[in-house]
Protein backbone atom coordinates (compact mmCIF):
# COMPACT_ATOMS: atom_id res chain seq x y z
CA MET A 1 38.73 -45.88 36.83
CA ALA A 2 39.00 -45.26 40.59
CA PRO A 3 39.77 -48.21 42.83
CA ALA A 4 36.88 -49.36 44.92
CA ALA A 5 37.07 -48.79 48.65
CA VAL A 6 35.54 -50.65 51.60
CA ALA A 7 34.79 -48.43 54.59
CA PRO A 8 35.91 -49.79 57.92
CA THR A 9 33.43 -50.83 60.56
CA SER A 10 35.63 -49.57 63.30
CA THR A 11 39.05 -47.91 63.91
CA VAL A 12 42.27 -49.84 63.12
CA ASP A 13 42.73 -52.45 65.75
CA LEU A 14 46.29 -52.38 67.14
CA SER A 15 45.43 -53.75 70.51
CA THR A 16 47.18 -56.98 69.83
CA TYR A 17 50.21 -55.45 67.92
CA THR A 18 53.20 -57.65 67.67
CA SER A 19 56.18 -56.85 65.48
CA GLY A 20 56.52 -58.92 62.31
CA TYR A 21 59.76 -57.17 61.27
CA LEU A 22 62.79 -59.29 60.44
CA LYS A 23 66.11 -59.50 62.06
CA THR A 24 68.81 -58.73 59.49
CA SER A 25 72.24 -60.29 59.36
CA HIS A 26 74.04 -56.93 59.57
CA GLY A 27 72.18 -55.34 62.44
CA ILE A 28 72.45 -51.77 61.25
CA GLN A 29 69.77 -49.24 62.27
CA HIS A 30 69.63 -45.71 60.98
CA ASP A 31 67.81 -43.22 63.23
CA TYR A 32 66.15 -39.95 62.33
CA ALA A 33 68.27 -37.61 64.35
CA THR A 34 71.65 -38.78 62.99
CA THR A 35 71.12 -39.78 59.38
CA LYS A 36 71.87 -37.47 56.47
CA ILE A 37 69.09 -36.88 54.00
CA GLY A 38 70.53 -37.62 50.50
CA GLY A 39 69.24 -36.26 47.17
CA ALA A 40 66.92 -33.49 46.18
CA THR A 41 63.40 -34.93 46.14
CA ASP A 42 60.99 -32.02 45.67
CA ILE A 43 59.87 -32.73 42.06
CA LEU A 44 56.56 -34.32 43.11
CA ALA A 45 56.02 -31.85 45.95
CA LYS A 46 56.20 -28.95 43.42
CA GLN A 47 53.58 -30.59 41.13
CA ALA A 48 51.25 -31.18 44.13
CA GLN A 49 51.63 -27.56 45.23
CA GLN A 50 50.86 -26.20 41.68
CA GLY A 51 47.50 -27.99 41.62
CA VAL A 52 47.69 -28.69 37.89
CA VAL A 53 44.83 -30.75 36.29
CA PHE A 54 46.38 -33.59 34.30
CA GLY A 55 43.15 -35.31 33.08
CA ASP A 56 44.46 -38.76 34.01
CA TRP A 57 45.28 -41.06 36.96
CA ARG A 58 47.83 -38.42 38.28
CA ASP A 59 44.89 -36.21 39.44
CA GLU A 60 43.75 -39.03 41.76
CA PHE A 61 47.26 -39.72 42.97
CA PHE A 62 47.91 -36.12 43.97
CA SER A 63 44.43 -35.50 45.46
CA LYS A 64 44.06 -38.81 47.33
CA GLY A 65 47.59 -40.01 47.79
CA TYR A 66 47.10 -43.23 45.81
CA THR A 67 45.77 -44.53 42.49
CA VAL A 68 45.46 -47.70 40.37
CA VAL A 69 46.76 -47.67 36.86
CA LYS A 70 44.62 -50.18 35.09
CA GLY A 71 46.16 -52.77 32.83
CA ALA A 72 49.82 -51.80 33.16
CA ILE A 73 50.62 -55.35 32.20
CA PRO A 74 48.30 -57.33 29.89
CA ARG A 75 46.28 -59.88 31.80
CA GLU A 76 47.81 -62.93 30.04
CA LYS A 77 51.30 -61.71 30.83
CA ALA A 78 50.48 -60.96 34.45
CA ASP A 79 49.11 -64.45 34.85
CA GLY A 80 52.34 -65.79 33.46
CA TYR A 81 54.40 -63.75 35.93
CA ARG A 82 52.20 -65.17 38.70
CA ARG A 83 52.88 -68.71 37.61
CA LYS A 84 56.61 -68.00 37.58
CA ALA A 85 56.42 -66.52 41.00
CA LEU A 86 54.60 -69.56 42.51
CA ASP A 87 56.95 -71.94 40.73
CA TRP A 88 59.90 -70.05 42.17
CA PHE A 89 58.31 -70.13 45.63
CA SER A 90 57.99 -73.91 45.46
CA GLN A 91 61.69 -74.39 44.89
CA PHE A 92 62.97 -73.76 48.34
CA PRO A 93 64.37 -76.78 50.15
CA PHE A 94 61.86 -76.78 52.96
CA GLY A 95 59.14 -79.10 51.56
CA PHE A 96 56.55 -76.49 50.57
CA VAL A 97 53.93 -77.86 48.05
CA VAL A 98 51.47 -75.30 46.72
CA ASN A 99 48.64 -77.88 46.47
CA ASP A 100 49.22 -79.26 49.91
CA LYS A 101 48.08 -76.95 52.68
CA SER A 102 49.61 -78.98 55.35
CA THR A 103 52.94 -77.54 54.11
CA TRP A 104 51.74 -73.98 54.42
CA THR A 105 53.57 -73.47 57.61
CA GLN A 106 56.75 -71.54 58.56
CA GLU A 107 58.95 -74.75 58.69
CA HIS A 108 58.19 -75.30 55.04
CA LEU A 109 58.58 -71.71 53.97
CA PRO A 110 61.33 -69.11 53.39
CA VAL A 111 61.76 -66.43 56.07
CA MET A 112 59.17 -63.74 55.33
CA MET A 113 58.20 -60.47 56.97
CA ASN A 114 54.59 -60.35 58.19
CA GLY A 115 53.77 -63.56 56.46
CA GLY A 116 54.46 -62.62 52.90
CA MET A 117 57.31 -60.16 52.19
CA ILE A 118 60.40 -62.00 50.84
CA MET A 119 63.34 -59.63 51.05
CA ASN A 120 66.26 -62.10 51.03
CA TYR A 121 67.22 -65.21 48.96
CA SER A 122 68.19 -62.95 45.94
CA ALA A 123 64.42 -62.83 45.25
CA THR A 124 64.38 -59.26 44.09
CA HIS A 125 66.87 -60.13 41.25
CA GLU A 126 65.13 -63.17 39.81
CA LYS A 127 64.79 -62.97 35.99
CA TRP A 128 60.98 -62.90 36.07
CA VAL A 129 61.07 -60.02 38.67
CA TRP A 130 63.27 -57.96 36.46
CA GLU A 131 61.13 -58.79 33.44
CA ALA A 132 58.04 -57.46 35.22
CA ARG A 133 59.91 -54.32 36.29
CA CYS A 134 60.89 -53.55 32.71
CA GLU A 135 57.38 -53.87 31.34
CA PRO A 136 56.59 -50.74 29.34
CA GLY A 137 53.23 -50.25 31.04
CA VAL A 138 54.90 -50.29 34.45
CA LEU A 139 57.67 -47.90 33.53
CA GLU A 140 55.58 -45.41 31.58
CA PRO A 141 53.45 -44.14 34.50
CA PHE A 142 56.53 -43.36 36.61
CA ALA A 143 58.20 -41.66 33.70
CA LYS A 144 55.04 -39.55 33.31
CA LEU A 145 54.88 -38.76 36.97
CA TRP A 146 58.47 -37.67 37.28
CA GLY A 147 58.73 -36.12 33.83
CA THR A 148 61.75 -38.23 32.77
CA ASP A 149 62.40 -41.80 31.51
CA GLU A 150 65.88 -41.83 33.04
CA LEU A 151 64.85 -43.78 36.08
CA LEU A 152 66.23 -46.07 38.83
CA VAL A 153 64.17 -48.88 40.22
CA SER A 154 64.08 -50.23 43.82
CA PHE A 155 65.50 -53.66 44.57
CA ASP A 156 62.30 -54.33 46.49
CA ALA A 157 60.53 -57.34 47.97
CA VAL A 158 58.34 -59.97 46.39
CA ASN A 159 55.16 -60.77 48.32
CA ILE A 160 53.53 -64.15 48.32
CA THR A 161 50.95 -64.44 51.15
CA LEU A 162 49.22 -67.78 51.69
CA PRO A 163 45.64 -67.58 52.84
CA GLY A 164 44.35 -69.36 55.93
CA ARG A 165 47.68 -70.05 57.67
CA LYS A 166 47.02 -71.23 61.23
CA ASP A 167 50.65 -70.75 62.44
CA LEU A 168 50.92 -67.08 61.56
CA LYS A 169 50.92 -64.62 64.31
CA TRP A 170 49.86 -61.55 62.50
CA SER A 171 48.55 -58.07 63.36
CA PRO A 172 48.44 -54.61 61.62
CA TRP A 173 51.67 -52.59 61.29
CA PRO A 174 50.61 -49.17 60.11
CA HIS A 175 53.54 -47.10 58.91
CA VAL A 176 54.85 -44.76 56.32
CA ASP A 177 57.90 -45.28 54.09
CA GLN A 178 59.23 -41.76 54.43
CA SER A 179 61.25 -40.35 57.23
CA PRO A 180 59.44 -37.74 59.35
CA THR A 181 62.49 -35.51 58.83
CA ARG A 182 61.93 -35.53 54.99
CA LYS A 183 59.37 -32.94 54.21
CA GLY A 184 56.91 -32.87 51.34
CA LEU A 185 55.93 -35.49 48.75
CA SER A 186 59.19 -37.11 47.95
CA CYS A 187 58.50 -40.63 46.71
CA ALA A 188 55.73 -42.61 45.02
CA GLN A 189 55.75 -46.35 45.80
CA GLY A 190 54.52 -49.07 43.52
CA ILE A 191 52.96 -52.50 43.56
CA ILE A 192 52.89 -54.63 40.34
CA ASN A 193 49.71 -56.66 41.08
CA LEU A 194 49.79 -60.30 39.84
CA SER A 195 46.65 -61.64 41.71
CA GLN A 196 43.21 -60.56 42.30
CA SER A 197 42.86 -58.01 45.11
CA GLY A 198 39.09 -57.74 45.88
CA PRO A 199 37.34 -56.92 49.15
CA THR A 200 38.29 -60.32 50.74
CA ASP A 201 41.65 -60.89 49.05
CA GLY A 202 44.93 -59.90 50.66
CA GLY A 203 46.14 -56.51 49.59
CA LEU A 204 47.17 -52.93 50.35
CA GLN A 205 45.18 -50.98 52.89
CA LEU A 206 45.69 -47.27 53.61
CA LEU A 207 44.32 -44.33 55.48
CA THR A 208 42.98 -41.95 53.03
CA GLY A 209 44.03 -38.33 53.39
CA SER A 210 46.91 -39.28 55.73
CA SER A 211 49.54 -38.08 53.26
CA ALA A 212 48.22 -34.49 53.38
CA LEU A 213 48.52 -34.61 57.17
CA PHE A 214 52.09 -35.89 57.27
CA ASP A 215 53.86 -32.58 58.17
CA GLN A 216 51.15 -31.56 60.58
CA PHE A 217 51.26 -34.89 62.45
CA PHE A 218 55.06 -34.75 63.03
CA LYS A 219 54.85 -31.04 64.07
CA GLU A 220 52.45 -31.97 66.77
CA HIS A 221 54.12 -35.31 67.45
CA PRO A 222 57.89 -35.10 67.19
CA PRO A 223 59.35 -38.38 65.95
CA LYS A 224 60.27 -40.91 68.61
CA PRO A 225 63.43 -42.97 68.41
CA LYS A 226 62.97 -46.28 66.71
CA ALA A 227 62.20 -49.38 68.67
CA LYS A 228 64.95 -51.98 68.68
CA ASP A 229 62.88 -54.37 66.45
CA ALA A 230 61.87 -51.66 63.95
CA PRO A 231 63.21 -51.77 60.36
CA GLY A 232 66.60 -50.37 60.23
CA GLN A 233 66.31 -48.10 57.13
CA PHE A 234 66.06 -44.31 57.41
CA ASP A 235 62.73 -43.77 55.44
CA TRP A 236 60.25 -45.70 57.67
CA TYR A 237 58.12 -44.70 60.62
CA GLY A 238 55.68 -46.93 62.52
CA PHE A 239 52.54 -45.59 64.30
CA THR A 240 50.71 -46.56 67.50
CA LEU A 241 47.08 -46.85 68.25
CA ASP A 242 46.94 -43.33 69.55
CA ASP A 243 48.60 -42.08 66.36
CA ILE A 244 46.01 -43.72 64.24
CA LYS A 245 43.23 -42.27 66.23
CA TRP A 246 44.63 -38.81 65.66
CA PHE A 247 44.47 -39.50 61.82
CA GLU A 248 40.91 -40.77 62.08
CA ASP A 249 39.91 -37.75 64.19
CA HIS A 250 41.31 -35.57 61.37
CA GLY A 251 38.99 -37.28 58.79
CA CYS A 252 41.11 -40.18 57.52
CA ARG A 253 39.41 -43.65 57.00
CA LEU A 254 40.87 -47.01 56.34
CA ILE A 255 40.28 -48.48 52.87
CA LYS A 256 41.18 -51.62 50.99
CA VAL A 257 42.69 -50.84 47.57
CA GLU A 258 41.13 -53.10 44.95
CA ALA A 259 43.12 -54.12 41.81
CA GLU A 260 43.25 -56.85 39.23
CA PRO A 261 46.19 -58.82 37.83
CA GLY A 262 48.27 -56.55 35.64
CA ASP A 263 47.22 -53.34 37.50
CA LEU A 264 49.82 -50.98 38.96
CA ILE A 265 49.18 -49.45 42.35
CA ILE A 266 51.03 -46.18 43.05
CA TRP A 267 50.82 -44.33 46.33
CA ASP A 268 52.42 -41.40 48.15
CA SER A 269 55.08 -42.71 50.66
CA ARG A 270 53.57 -40.37 53.27
CA THR A 271 50.31 -42.35 53.24
CA VAL A 272 49.80 -44.55 56.33
CA HIS A 273 49.45 -48.11 55.16
CA TYR A 274 49.79 -51.79 55.76
CA ALA A 275 48.62 -55.04 54.16
CA SER A 276 45.51 -57.12 54.87
CA LEU A 277 45.72 -60.87 55.00
CA PRO A 278 43.70 -62.91 52.45
CA LYS A 279 40.25 -63.92 53.67
CA SER A 280 39.53 -65.60 50.37
CA GLU A 281 41.48 -68.59 48.94
CA THR A 282 43.59 -66.37 46.64
CA ILE A 283 47.30 -66.50 47.23
CA ARG A 284 48.44 -62.80 47.22
CA THR A 285 51.20 -62.39 44.61
CA ILE A 286 52.86 -59.05 44.02
CA ILE A 287 56.11 -57.31 43.21
CA TYR A 288 56.96 -54.08 44.93
CA ALA A 289 58.57 -51.71 42.41
CA THR A 290 59.24 -48.02 42.84
CA TYR A 291 61.03 -45.74 40.27
CA THR A 292 62.65 -42.37 40.75
CA PRO A 293 64.84 -40.14 38.49
CA ALA A 294 68.46 -41.25 38.39
CA LYS A 295 69.60 -37.67 38.68
CA LEU A 296 68.33 -37.62 42.28
CA ALA A 297 70.96 -40.16 43.37
CA THR A 298 74.22 -39.06 44.96
CA GLU A 299 77.46 -40.55 43.65
CA GLU A 300 77.77 -42.39 47.04
CA ASP A 301 74.29 -43.95 46.68
CA ILE A 302 74.75 -44.89 43.07
CA LYS A 303 78.04 -46.78 43.93
CA LEU A 304 76.29 -48.51 46.86
CA LYS A 305 73.24 -49.45 44.72
CA ALA A 306 75.51 -50.89 41.99
CA ASP A 307 77.37 -52.91 44.59
CA ILE A 308 74.20 -54.33 46.09
CA PHE A 309 73.00 -55.26 42.58
CA ARG A 310 76.31 -57.20 41.99
CA HIS A 311 75.66 -59.10 45.13
CA TYR A 312 71.98 -59.79 44.28
CA GLU A 313 70.71 -58.29 47.50
CA GLY A 314 67.49 -56.44 48.24
CA THR A 315 67.16 -52.89 49.49
CA THR A 316 64.10 -50.69 50.44
CA HIS A 317 61.11 -49.09 48.55
CA TRP A 318 63.45 -46.17 47.64
CA PRO A 319 65.50 -46.38 44.43
CA HIS A 320 67.80 -43.38 44.63
CA CYS A 321 68.51 -42.95 48.33
CA ASN A 322 67.85 -44.88 51.60
CA ILE A 323 69.97 -47.57 49.91
CA PHE A 324 69.72 -50.02 52.89
CA GLY A 325 70.80 -53.62 52.15
CA GLN A 326 68.52 -56.23 53.62
CA GLY A 327 71.35 -58.61 54.42
CA ARG A 328 70.74 -62.37 54.80
CA ALA A 329 67.60 -64.17 55.96
CA MET A 330 67.92 -65.19 59.65
CA ARG A 331 66.15 -68.18 61.26
CA GLY A 332 66.56 -67.31 64.89
CA ASP A 333 70.19 -66.34 65.41
CA THR A 334 71.63 -68.19 62.32
CA ILE A 335 71.47 -67.55 58.59
CA CYS A 336 68.71 -69.58 57.01
CA PRO A 337 70.13 -72.68 55.38
CA GLY A 338 68.05 -71.94 52.26
CA GLU A 339 69.72 -68.57 51.60
CA ARG A 340 71.04 -68.07 48.16
CA ASP A 341 74.14 -66.18 46.82
CA GLU A 342 72.41 -65.60 43.46
CA PRO A 343 69.01 -65.94 41.84
CA LEU A 344 67.79 -69.39 40.58
CA GLU A 345 67.59 -67.68 37.15
CA LYS A 346 69.71 -64.60 36.75
CA PRO A 347 68.28 -61.56 34.86
CA GLU A 348 69.51 -60.81 31.41
CA LEU A 349 71.91 -57.89 31.75
CA THR A 350 70.37 -55.60 29.15
CA ASP A 351 71.17 -51.96 28.78
CA GLN A 352 67.84 -51.19 30.42
CA VAL A 353 68.36 -53.42 33.32
CA LEU A 354 71.75 -52.02 34.11
CA LYS A 355 70.56 -48.40 33.87
CA LEU A 356 67.61 -49.10 36.11
CA ALA A 357 69.98 -50.83 38.62
CA GLY A 358 72.44 -47.85 38.62
CA VAL A 359 75.23 -49.95 37.24
CA LYS A 360 75.36 -48.13 33.91
CA ARG A 361 74.81 -44.32 33.57
CA TYR A 362 72.22 -42.68 31.42
């Protein structure tokens, strides 16, 4: 079943663009001209070039740059993960109460990027997050896509976006999560959807057809150095209003990807995308989870990934390279007093978890 799409009434509005990216405690920033590309990542690109008809959701992924795998997690289990997520979100020492909207302000919340992405506080290593990552229906599509079940998983963010916040200064941040110097289809990102994502709910938006124009765009528009407040990791590039108009002039259109609790959204990392804020009363609740073959990782990156796991830190959307630690949450110029050295509930260190984390070899 193809995800429904809502056509835009106008072009993407970036006229009031303000950065929502977070200051990290380590201050490292990798730029395109100086960073080494690690790992061979042409497996998906070769499949796309061959034009094979699979007869399943992969056809939509390769042709459109995104897809929704329905029912990757049974609805009852997805609802249970959502309850765990909101319970976890309520245990910060800032006074947030999920049923009291007067507490839905930044002073009562953990530090988040663009009003929802939680990349610190050991969030990515909570037991319920790891349990969701290990769901068979989440792992199987990535194993099918890559042709192997020997996978690594990203230590990626949790997103809990509260609707109707009056204190949030928010605007679109169109970007891709693949460096302009990395050619071809190299990574497929994932969202484990735990809340309803209909037309008015918060969720993923993307420019259809933009992945196929990735190489052409950067051939015509050589990548610019990163802005000082841009994310520090290598595999990320942000776009301006003029850039977006170029994609629209080449036939791309903005859509809102619709999904239900338990669905898995997979998209090409070259697809221009960003989130939409909830217009409904639904609290957006998702886990970002991307999987790639373990064999793509260099020894250097495997060691770094394992070390980050032992410190319960988050990284990026990429599991096998671009291993960029997110550091500690900062409130202004100081580390947030609510930061944690470990999860509230540590994951069970099963054989599967340790292999997905890069700690144990396949």
